[in-house]
Amino acid sequence: MYSNAYVWSRVLTYLENHSPAAAIATYFDEVEVVELDEKKLVIYTPTSFCKDLILNRYAFLIKDAMREQFEKEVELTVLDEEDMPKYNMNKRKRNFVEFNSQFTFDTFVVGSSNQHAFSAAEAVAEERTLAYNPLFIYGQSGLGKTHLLYAIANRIQKRHPEYNIVYIKGDQFINEFIEAVRTGKNFEFRDKYRNADLFLIDDIQFIAGKEGTQEEFFHTFNTLYENKRQIVLTSDRVPSDMLLLEDRLRTRFEWGLIVDIQPPDYETRYAITKNKALSLGLVLPEEVCGYIAENITNNVRQIEGTVKKIKAYHDLTGMPMDIASVSRAIKDMYKGKSQSVPTINLIIGEVCRFYSIEESVLRSNRKNKGTAEARQIAMYLIRKLTNLSFPDIAKEFGKTHTTVMYAVRRVEEELAITDNGLQDNVRDITNNINSRL
């Protein structure tokens, strides 16, 4: 399938071959493609004058050009400035998103570690204030940041079903932007995000260091903020710790309210354990709830996974609900975070995500500068964060152990040099890896 930019360029060439080129340049200079496929073409022009002229004088030529490319009739729609609000509203109805109904404020267990974040999120959802714009929630992975985003979305969607609520993860935003540029769908990309009534973005830290994505997000943020649309961001760190984030974005993230979520204390872990068990139809004795709360300390997600595992054992084997049986069932789940070791795939995945390259490219013999740097950093981090030997690491990349030794030494030497940017890259990638544990 050809990109929108390519198809539209062919249409313009066809028009120039059948009409004065100067006229086409004048009347189509500000025309943008809104939607395009084998059945329809929707274009936008700012003025009603150009809209009427295109419909009356050039519509048949545009349809001929489209028929030549797709070998079928294509419906043409021309929009001007006055048409866009209605078009966007209809598009919102078509793109209605249903958020996970389990993630609400009622199912969020509140404790001293997350009270501030919960209250701020609820205030945003109740539209009690615009002072928290943007609302920036940060904390380690698995502590409930995404739960609060969904809770906001569910509450606002219930109160305002007509609202256009957009949720996306930071790495998905990057991928969508790259794809929009590649296929010439910039208008559709911007329309999707800049017309949101509520914009929720998870793991915003991933856009740091991505120059083109940061530029696009900057303009998206400005448009939403100026139109008084609520923005909620989550991250594994505060804006000031995003070393590769542009200053103009960092300051904007700090305009509103920054709140953190800490690992839950014992009482909160106990309540989460009990609530999760009840939601699964499982009644746990108090001493078992206490045992889990005492030993599963990393994050909420790990607690929920533990309860699910206990239920599975109970359903499949009839395991009794006592501490001895439960401890045997979950003994592999309560090692401390300091004992957690990232896998090779996790490290390579985060390096590839940071440098926006495919894993197959990283493991290949390609030697351009960006790929070589990413490959060396991957080798260095595997050596630093795991117990693997040089020969073991070499097998992962199809290299010799001396190549890995050289790569690790090269990165260590570069890290010793100040102000070369590599320290920031390694720090951010390491933080991303730790947030996934």
Protein backbone atom coordinates (compact mmCIF):
# COMPACT_ATOMS: atom_id res chain seq x y z
CA MET A 1 0.00 0.00 0.00
CA TYR A 2 1.43 3.38 -1.02
CA SER A 3 1.74 6.16 1.56
CA ASN A 4 -0.76 9.02 1.63
CA ALA A 5 2.00 11.45 0.63
CA TYR A 6 2.86 9.39 -2.42
CA VAL A 7 -0.77 8.98 -3.57
CA TRP A 8 -1.52 12.66 -3.09
CA SER A 9 1.65 13.65 -5.00
CA ARG A 10 0.40 11.52 -7.91
CA VAL A 11 -2.96 13.27 -7.73
CA LEU A 12 -1.30 16.70 -7.87
CA THR A 13 0.84 15.60 -10.82
CA TYR A 14 -2.30 14.44 -12.63
CA LEU A 15 -4.00 17.80 -11.94
CA GLU A 16 -0.96 19.72 -13.23
CA ASN A 17 -1.05 17.66 -16.43
CA HIS A 18 -4.69 18.60 -17.03
CA SER A 19 -4.83 22.17 -15.68
CA PRO A 20 -2.54 25.21 -15.48
CA ALA A 21 0.24 24.38 -13.01
CA ALA A 22 0.07 27.90 -11.51
CA ALA A 23 -3.61 27.43 -10.65
CA ILE A 24 -2.95 24.08 -8.99
CA ALA A 25 -0.11 25.59 -6.96
CA THR A 26 -2.39 28.45 -5.86
CA TYR A 27 -5.52 26.52 -4.95
CA PHE A 28 -3.91 23.36 -3.55
CA ASP A 29 -1.01 24.93 -1.68
CA GLU A 30 -2.69 24.56 1.74
CA VAL A 31 -4.66 21.39 1.01
CA GLU A 32 -3.94 18.50 3.40
CA VAL A 33 -5.00 14.87 3.25
CA VAL A 34 -7.20 13.98 6.24
CA GLU A 35 -8.18 10.41 5.31
CA LEU A 36 -7.24 8.27 2.34
CA ASP A 37 -7.86 4.66 1.42
CA GLU A 38 -9.16 2.66 -1.55
CA LYS A 39 -12.74 3.80 -0.93
CA LYS A 40 -12.51 7.44 0.12
CA LEU A 41 -10.40 10.57 0.03
CA VAL A 42 -10.98 13.34 2.57
CA ILE A 43 -9.03 16.55 2.11
CA TYR A 44 -8.94 19.82 4.03
CA THR A 45 -8.56 23.38 2.79
CA PRO A 46 -8.79 26.36 5.16
CA THR A 47 -11.28 28.53 3.21
CA SER A 48 -14.77 27.95 1.91
CA PHE A 49 -13.73 29.69 -1.33
CA CYS A 50 -11.10 27.03 -2.08
CA LYS A 51 -13.48 24.28 -0.99
CA ASP A 52 -16.17 25.41 -3.46
CA LEU A 53 -13.64 25.92 -6.24
CA ILE A 54 -12.16 22.44 -5.76
CA LEU A 55 -15.59 20.81 -5.71
CA ASN A 56 -16.84 22.70 -8.76
CA ARG A 57 -13.72 22.73 -10.93
CA TYR A 58 -11.35 19.94 -9.86
CA ALA A 59 -13.40 17.21 -8.18
CA PHE A 60 -13.82 15.17 -11.36
CA LEU A 61 -10.07 15.37 -12.07
CA ILE A 62 -9.22 14.26 -8.53
CA LYS A 63 -11.57 11.30 -8.86
CA ASP A 64 -10.03 10.41 -12.23
CA ALA A 65 -6.56 10.50 -10.67
CA MET A 66 -7.69 8.28 -7.78
CA ARG A 67 -9.40 5.86 -10.18
CA GLU A 68 -6.18 5.61 -12.16
CA GLN A 69 -4.29 4.53 -9.02
CA PHE A 70 -6.87 2.25 -7.36
CA GLU A 71 -8.83 1.14 -10.44
CA LYS A 72 -12.12 1.87 -8.70
CA GLU A 73 -14.36 4.81 -7.82
CA VAL A 74 -13.28 6.75 -4.75
CA GLU A 75 -15.60 9.01 -2.76
CA LEU A 76 -14.27 12.56 -2.40
CA THR A 77 -14.98 14.83 0.57
CA VAL A 78 -13.63 18.37 0.87
CA LEU A 79 -13.63 20.04 4.30
CA ASP A 80 -13.03 23.66 5.25
CA GLU A 81 -12.47 25.29 8.64
CA GLU A 82 -16.18 25.25 9.48
CA ASP A 83 -16.55 21.55 8.62
CA MET A 84 -13.74 20.28 10.82
CA PRO A 85 -15.50 20.38 14.24
CA LYS A 86 -18.40 18.23 13.00
CA TYR A 87 -16.03 15.89 11.20
CA ASN A 88 -13.90 15.49 14.35
CA MET A 89 -16.97 14.83 16.48
CA ASN A 90 -18.15 12.07 14.13
CA LYS A 91 -14.66 10.62 14.10
CA ARG A 92 -14.60 10.59 17.89
CA LYS A 93 -17.78 8.55 17.95
CA ARG A 94 -16.22 6.05 15.54
CA ASN A 95 -13.07 5.86 17.65
CA PHE A 96 -14.81 5.37 21.01
CA VAL A 97 -12.44 3.59 23.40
CA GLU A 98 -13.60 1.34 26.22
CA PHE A 99 -11.19 1.41 29.15
CA ASN A 100 -10.70 -1.53 31.51
CA SER A 101 -13.65 -1.23 33.89
CA GLN A 102 -11.70 -2.92 36.71
CA PHE A 103 -9.39 0.08 37.02
CA THR A 104 -11.49 2.62 38.90
CA PHE A 105 -11.01 4.82 41.95
CA ASP A 106 -13.19 2.42 43.94
CA THR A 107 -10.83 -0.51 43.28
CA PHE A 108 -7.66 1.49 44.02
CA VAL A 109 -6.35 0.74 47.51
CA VAL A 110 -5.29 4.01 49.12
CA GLY A 111 -2.50 4.21 51.67
CA SER A 112 0.10 6.65 52.90
CA SER A 113 2.34 5.79 49.95
CA ASN A 114 -0.15 6.91 47.28
CA GLN A 115 -2.68 9.19 48.99
CA HIS A 116 -1.43 12.37 47.37
CA ALA A 117 -1.44 10.89 43.86
CA PHE A 118 -4.90 9.39 44.37
CA SER A 119 -6.38 12.70 45.59
CA ALA A 120 -4.84 14.63 42.70
CA ALA A 121 -6.09 12.11 40.13
CA GLU A 122 -9.59 12.17 41.59
CA ALA A 123 -9.61 15.99 41.54
CA VAL A 124 -8.71 15.89 37.83
CA ALA A 125 -11.41 13.30 37.13
CA GLU A 126 -14.02 15.39 38.93
CA GLU A 127 -12.82 18.48 37.01
CA ARG A 128 -12.52 20.39 40.26
CA THR A 129 -9.44 22.28 39.14
CA LEU A 130 -7.37 23.23 36.10
CA ALA A 131 -4.37 23.98 38.29
CA TYR A 132 -3.22 20.38 37.95
CA ASN A 133 -2.52 20.67 34.25
CA PRO A 134 -0.49 18.75 33.51
CA LEU A 135 -0.79 16.23 36.32
CA PHE A 136 2.53 14.38 36.44
CA ILE A 137 2.59 11.09 38.39
CA TYR A 138 5.91 9.33 38.89
CA GLY A 139 7.09 6.17 40.63
CA GLN A 140 8.53 2.73 40.06
CA SER A 141 6.85 0.22 37.79
CA GLY A 142 3.90 -1.70 39.21
CA LEU A 143 2.76 0.79 41.85
CA GLY A 144 -0.55 1.84 40.28
CA LYS A 145 0.22 4.72 37.93
CA THR A 146 -1.63 3.11 35.00
CA HIS A 147 -4.51 2.21 37.32
CA LEU A 148 -4.96 5.90 38.14
CA LEU A 149 -4.85 6.88 34.45
CA TYR A 150 -7.61 4.39 33.67
CA ALA A 151 -9.57 5.50 36.73
CA ILE A 152 -9.50 9.09 35.46
CA ALA A 153 -10.56 7.94 31.99
CA ASN A 154 -13.42 5.79 33.32
CA ARG A 155 -14.75 8.54 35.59
CA ILE A 156 -14.65 11.25 32.91
CA GLN A 157 -16.05 8.95 30.22
CA LYS A 158 -19.00 8.18 32.48
CA ARG A 159 -19.66 11.88 33.09
CA HIS A 160 -18.90 12.99 29.53
CA PRO A 161 -19.48 10.16 27.03
CA GLU A 162 -19.02 12.64 24.20
CA TYR A 163 -15.44 13.45 25.22
CA ASN A 164 -12.52 12.34 23.06
CA ILE A 165 -10.26 10.53 25.54
CA VAL A 166 -6.86 9.48 24.24
CA TYR A 167 -4.55 7.10 26.10
CA ILE A 168 -1.17 5.92 24.82
CA LYS A 169 2.18 4.72 26.11
CA GLY A 170 5.31 6.75 25.42
CA ASP A 171 6.96 4.12 23.24
CA GLN A 172 3.76 3.68 21.23
CA PHE A 173 3.60 7.44 20.65
CA ILE A 174 7.13 7.26 19.21
CA ASN A 175 6.23 4.35 16.93
CA GLU A 176 3.02 6.01 15.71
CA PHE A 177 4.88 9.23 14.95
CA ILE A 178 7.57 7.38 12.97
CA GLU A 179 4.88 5.52 11.03
CA ALA A 180 2.96 8.76 10.35
CA VAL A 181 6.08 10.37 8.93
CA ARG A 182 6.86 7.29 6.85
CA THR A 183 3.36 7.00 5.35
CA GLY A 184 2.61 10.71 5.07
CA LYS A 185 -0.23 10.59 7.63
CA ASN A 186 0.97 13.56 9.69
CA PHE A 187 -2.43 15.25 9.56
CA GLU A 188 -4.23 12.17 10.91
CA PHE A 189 -1.61 11.75 13.64
CA ARG A 190 -1.92 15.36 14.78
CA ASP A 191 -5.71 15.27 14.53
CA LYS A 192 -5.82 12.22 16.80
CA TYR A 193 -3.85 13.81 19.62
CA ARG A 194 -4.41 17.54 19.32
CA ASN A 195 -8.20 17.17 19.35
CA ALA A 196 -8.28 15.17 22.58
CA ASP A 197 -10.45 16.44 25.43
CA LEU A 198 -8.39 14.34 27.85
CA PHE A 199 -4.87 13.21 26.96
CA LEU A 200 -3.30 10.42 29.04
CA ILE A 201 0.24 9.27 28.29
CA ASP A 202 1.97 6.48 30.20
CA ASP A 203 5.77 6.20 30.56
CA ILE A 204 6.51 9.60 29.03
CA GLN A 205 10.22 9.07 29.83
CA PHE A 206 10.60 7.06 26.63
CA ILE A 207 10.39 10.15 24.39
CA ALA A 208 13.51 11.66 26.00
CA GLY A 209 16.33 11.77 23.48
CA LYS A 210 14.01 11.30 20.48
CA GLU A 211 14.44 14.66 18.74
CA GLY A 212 11.62 14.44 16.20
CA THR A 213 9.16 12.93 18.67
CA GLN A 214 9.93 15.60 21.27
CA GLU A 215 9.32 18.32 18.68
CA GLU A 216 5.93 16.79 17.79
CA PHE A 217 4.97 16.26 21.43
CA PHE A 218 5.93 19.86 22.25
CA HIS A 219 3.41 21.22 19.73
CA THR A 220 0.78 18.68 20.79
CA PHE A 221 1.22 19.69 24.42
CA ASN A 222 0.98 23.39 23.59
CA THR A 223 -2.18 22.95 21.53
CA LEU A 224 -3.94 20.95 24.25
CA TYR A 225 -2.78 23.23 27.06
CA GLU A 226 -3.83 26.42 25.25
CA ASN A 227 -7.25 24.88 24.58
CA LYS A 228 -7.58 24.04 28.31
CA ARG A 229 -7.61 20.29 27.70
CA GLN A 230 -6.46 18.14 30.61
CA ILE A 231 -3.11 16.34 30.27
CA VAL A 232 -1.98 13.55 32.60
CA LEU A 233 1.51 12.05 32.36
CA THR A 234 3.20 9.18 34.17
CA SER A 235 6.87 8.36 34.40
CA ASP A 236 9.34 6.33 36.42
CA ARG A 237 11.19 9.51 37.38
CA VAL A 238 10.69 13.25 37.90
CA PRO A 239 11.18 15.57 34.89
CA SER A 240 14.44 16.92 36.30
CA ASP A 241 15.93 13.40 36.14
CA MET A 242 15.13 12.99 32.43
CA LEU A 243 18.55 14.11 31.29
CA LEU A 244 17.82 13.83 27.56
CA LEU A 245 14.48 15.62 27.76
CA GLU A 246 14.43 19.04 26.10
CA ASP A 247 14.31 21.93 28.57
CA ARG A 248 11.16 23.38 27.02
CA LEU A 249 9.32 20.09 27.66
CA ARG A 250 10.79 19.68 31.13
CA THR A 251 9.53 23.10 32.20
CA ARG A 252 6.07 22.38 30.78
CA PHE A 253 5.86 19.10 32.68
CA GLU A 254 6.53 21.14 35.81
CA TRP A 255 3.78 23.72 35.12
CA GLY A 256 1.07 21.78 36.90
CA LEU A 257 1.32 19.33 39.80
CA ILE A 258 3.97 16.63 40.29
CA VAL A 259 3.06 13.78 42.65
CA ASP A 260 4.78 10.52 43.43
CA ILE A 261 3.72 6.98 44.29
CA GLN A 262 5.98 5.09 46.68
CA PRO A 263 6.09 1.32 47.28
CA PRO A 264 3.16 0.39 49.55
CA ASP A 265 3.69 0.03 53.29
CA TYR A 266 2.69 -3.11 55.20
CA GLU A 267 -0.89 -1.98 55.88
CA THR A 268 -1.49 -1.07 52.25
CA ARG A 269 0.04 -4.36 51.04
CA TYR A 270 -2.26 -6.23 53.42
CA ALA A 271 -5.33 -4.39 52.14
CA ILE A 272 -4.31 -4.95 48.50
CA THR A 273 -3.84 -8.68 49.16
CA LYS A 274 -7.23 -9.03 50.80
CA ASN A 275 -9.05 -6.97 48.14
CA LYS A 276 -7.44 -8.85 45.25
CA ALA A 277 -8.31 -12.20 46.79
CA LEU A 278 -11.94 -11.18 47.30
CA SER A 279 -12.18 -9.92 43.70
CA LEU A 280 -11.08 -13.41 42.58
CA GLY A 281 -13.58 -15.13 44.87
CA LEU A 282 -10.83 -16.33 47.21
CA VAL A 283 -11.06 -16.00 51.00
CA LEU A 284 -7.60 -15.85 52.55
CA PRO A 285 -7.08 -16.25 56.32
CA GLU A 286 -5.71 -13.18 58.05
CA GLU A 287 -2.38 -14.87 58.83
CA VAL A 288 -1.92 -15.70 55.11
CA CYS A 289 -2.69 -12.10 54.12
CA GLY A 290 -0.15 -10.98 56.70
CA TYR A 291 2.44 -13.44 55.40
CA ILE A 292 2.04 -12.18 51.83
CA ALA A 293 2.16 -8.53 52.93
CA GLU A 294 5.32 -9.23 54.90
CA ASN A 295 7.18 -10.98 52.08
CA ILE A 296 5.90 -9.52 48.79
CA THR A 297 7.19 -5.97 49.04
CA ASN A 298 8.29 -4.83 45.58
CA ASN A 299 5.07 -3.51 44.04
CA VAL A 300 1.33 -3.88 43.66
CA ARG A 301 1.60 -5.89 40.46
CA GLN A 302 3.72 -8.53 42.21
CA ILE A 303 1.17 -8.79 45.04
CA GLU A 304 -1.66 -9.30 42.55
CA GLY A 305 0.36 -11.91 40.69
CA THR A 306 1.02 -13.73 43.95
CA VAL A 307 -2.68 -13.90 44.84
CA LYS A 308 -3.52 -15.18 41.35
CA LYS A 309 -0.90 -17.90 41.71
CA ILE A 310 -2.30 -18.99 45.08
CA LYS A 311 -5.80 -19.20 43.59
CA ALA A 312 -4.51 -21.26 40.66
CA TYR A 313 -2.80 -23.73 43.01
CA HIS A 314 -5.91 -23.91 45.19
CA ASP A 315 -8.23 -24.50 42.21
CA LEU A 316 -5.99 -27.07 40.52
CA THR A 317 -4.68 -29.04 43.50
CA GLY A 318 -7.01 -28.21 46.37
CA MET A 319 -4.08 -26.68 48.26
CA PRO A 320 -5.10 -25.72 51.82
CA MET A 321 -5.03 -22.02 52.75
CA ASP A 322 -2.33 -22.15 55.42
CA ILE A 323 1.04 -20.43 55.65
CA ALA A 324 3.07 -23.61 55.08
CA SER A 325 1.28 -24.45 51.83
CA VAL A 326 1.17 -20.86 50.59
CA SER A 327 4.87 -20.31 51.29
CA ARG A 328 5.78 -23.36 49.18
CA ALA A 329 3.56 -22.16 46.34
CA ILE A 330 5.01 -18.66 46.17
CA LYS A 331 8.60 -19.16 47.34
CA ASP A 332 9.93 -18.10 43.93
CA MET A 333 8.09 -14.78 44.05
CA TYR A 334 9.42 -13.08 47.14
CA LYS A 335 13.05 -12.45 46.45
CA GLY A 336 13.95 -8.86 47.18
CA LYS A 337 14.30 -6.31 44.41
CA SER A 338 18.03 -6.15 45.01
CA GLN A 339 18.17 -9.81 43.97
CA SER A 340 16.26 -9.25 40.73
CA VAL A 341 18.47 -9.73 37.67
CA PRO A 342 17.30 -8.50 34.26
CA THR A 343 17.26 -10.96 31.38
CA ILE A 344 19.33 -10.55 28.25
CA ASN A 345 16.17 -10.02 26.22
CA LEU A 346 15.03 -7.26 28.58
CA ILE A 347 18.36 -5.43 28.32
CA ILE A 348 18.55 -5.77 24.55
CA GLY A 349 14.89 -4.76 24.23
CA GLU A 350 15.40 -1.55 26.22
CA VAL A 351 18.57 -0.66 24.30
CA CYS A 352 16.71 -1.15 21.01
CA ARG A 353 13.76 0.88 22.27
CA PHE A 354 16.07 3.72 23.30
CA TYR A 355 17.92 3.80 19.96
CA SER A 356 14.78 3.01 17.88
CA ILE A 357 16.32 0.04 16.11
CA GLU A 358 15.16 -3.54 15.56
CA GLU A 359 16.63 -6.34 17.70
CA SER A 360 17.62 -8.21 14.52
CA VAL A 361 19.71 -5.19 13.50
CA LEU A 362 21.39 -4.99 16.91
CA ARG A 363 22.35 -8.67 16.72
CA SER A 364 23.54 -8.35 13.11
CA ASN A 365 26.95 -7.33 11.74
CA ARG A 366 25.79 -3.89 10.66
CA LYS A 367 28.48 -1.36 11.52
CA ASN A 368 27.02 2.13 11.13
CA LYS A 369 27.78 4.46 14.04
CA GLY A 370 24.38 4.36 15.77
CA THR A 371 24.04 0.58 15.59
CA ALA A 372 27.61 -0.03 16.73
CA GLU A 373 27.15 2.23 19.76
CA ALA A 374 23.87 0.55 20.70
CA ARG A 375 25.42 -2.93 20.35
CA GLN A 376 28.40 -1.98 22.54
CA ILE A 377 26.14 -0.51 25.21
CA ALA A 378 24.00 -3.66 25.17
CA MET A 379 27.10 -5.80 25.71
CA TYR A 380 28.31 -3.50 28.47
CA LEU A 381 24.98 -3.53 30.32
CA ILE A 382 24.60 -7.31 30.03
CA ARG A 383 28.06 -7.69 31.54
CA LYS A 384 27.31 -5.12 34.27
CA LEU A 385 23.78 -6.19 35.21
CA THR A 386 23.99 -9.99 34.87
CA ASN A 387 26.41 -12.74 35.88
CA LEU A 388 27.11 -13.84 32.31
CA SER A 389 30.67 -14.40 31.13
CA PHE A 390 32.21 -12.80 28.05
CA PRO A 391 31.83 -16.04 26.01
CA ASP A 392 28.15 -16.33 27.04
CA ILE A 393 27.46 -12.75 25.95
CA ALA A 394 29.36 -13.34 22.70
CA LYS A 395 27.03 -16.24 21.81
CA GLU A 396 24.03 -13.90 22.00
CA PHE A 397 25.51 -11.68 19.29
CA GLY A 398 27.36 -14.27 17.23
CA LYS A 399 30.68 -12.64 18.12
CA THR A 400 33.93 -13.73 19.73
CA HIS A 401 34.51 -13.13 23.42
CA THR A 402 37.37 -10.74 22.56
CA THR A 403 34.90 -8.57 20.61
CA VAL A 404 32.70 -8.36 23.69
CA MET A 405 35.69 -7.55 25.90
CA TYR A 406 36.66 -4.75 23.52
CA ALA A 407 33.09 -3.37 23.48
CA VAL A 408 32.83 -3.34 27.29
CA ARG A 409 36.23 -1.70 27.66
CA ARG A 410 35.38 0.88 24.99
CA VAL A 411 32.15 1.86 26.77
CA GLU A 412 33.92 2.06 30.13
CA GLU A 413 36.55 4.37 28.60
CA GLU A 414 33.86 6.57 27.05
CA LEU A 415 31.95 6.73 30.33
CA ALA A 416 35.09 8.06 32.00
CA ILE A 417 34.99 11.08 29.69
CA THR A 418 32.68 13.81 30.96
CA ASP A 419 30.15 15.72 28.86
CA ASN A 420 30.06 13.27 25.95
CA GLY A 421 26.40 12.33 26.39
CA LEU A 422 27.03 8.60 26.76
CA GLN A 423 26.62 8.74 30.54
CA ASP A 424 23.10 10.12 30.06
CA ASN A 425 22.22 7.38 27.57
CA VAL A 426 23.47 4.58 29.82
CA ARG A 427 21.74 6.05 32.85
CA ASP A 428 18.39 6.38 31.10
CA ILE A 429 18.57 2.87 29.62
CA THR A 430 19.48 1.44 33.02
CA ASN A 431 16.56 3.24 34.65
CA ASN A 432 14.24 1.88 31.96
CA ILE A 433 15.53 -1.65 32.60
CA ASN A 434 15.08 -1.32 36.37
CA SER A 435 11.53 -0.01 35.91
CA ARG A 436 10.64 -3.22 34.06
CA LEU A 437 11.82 -5.56 36.84
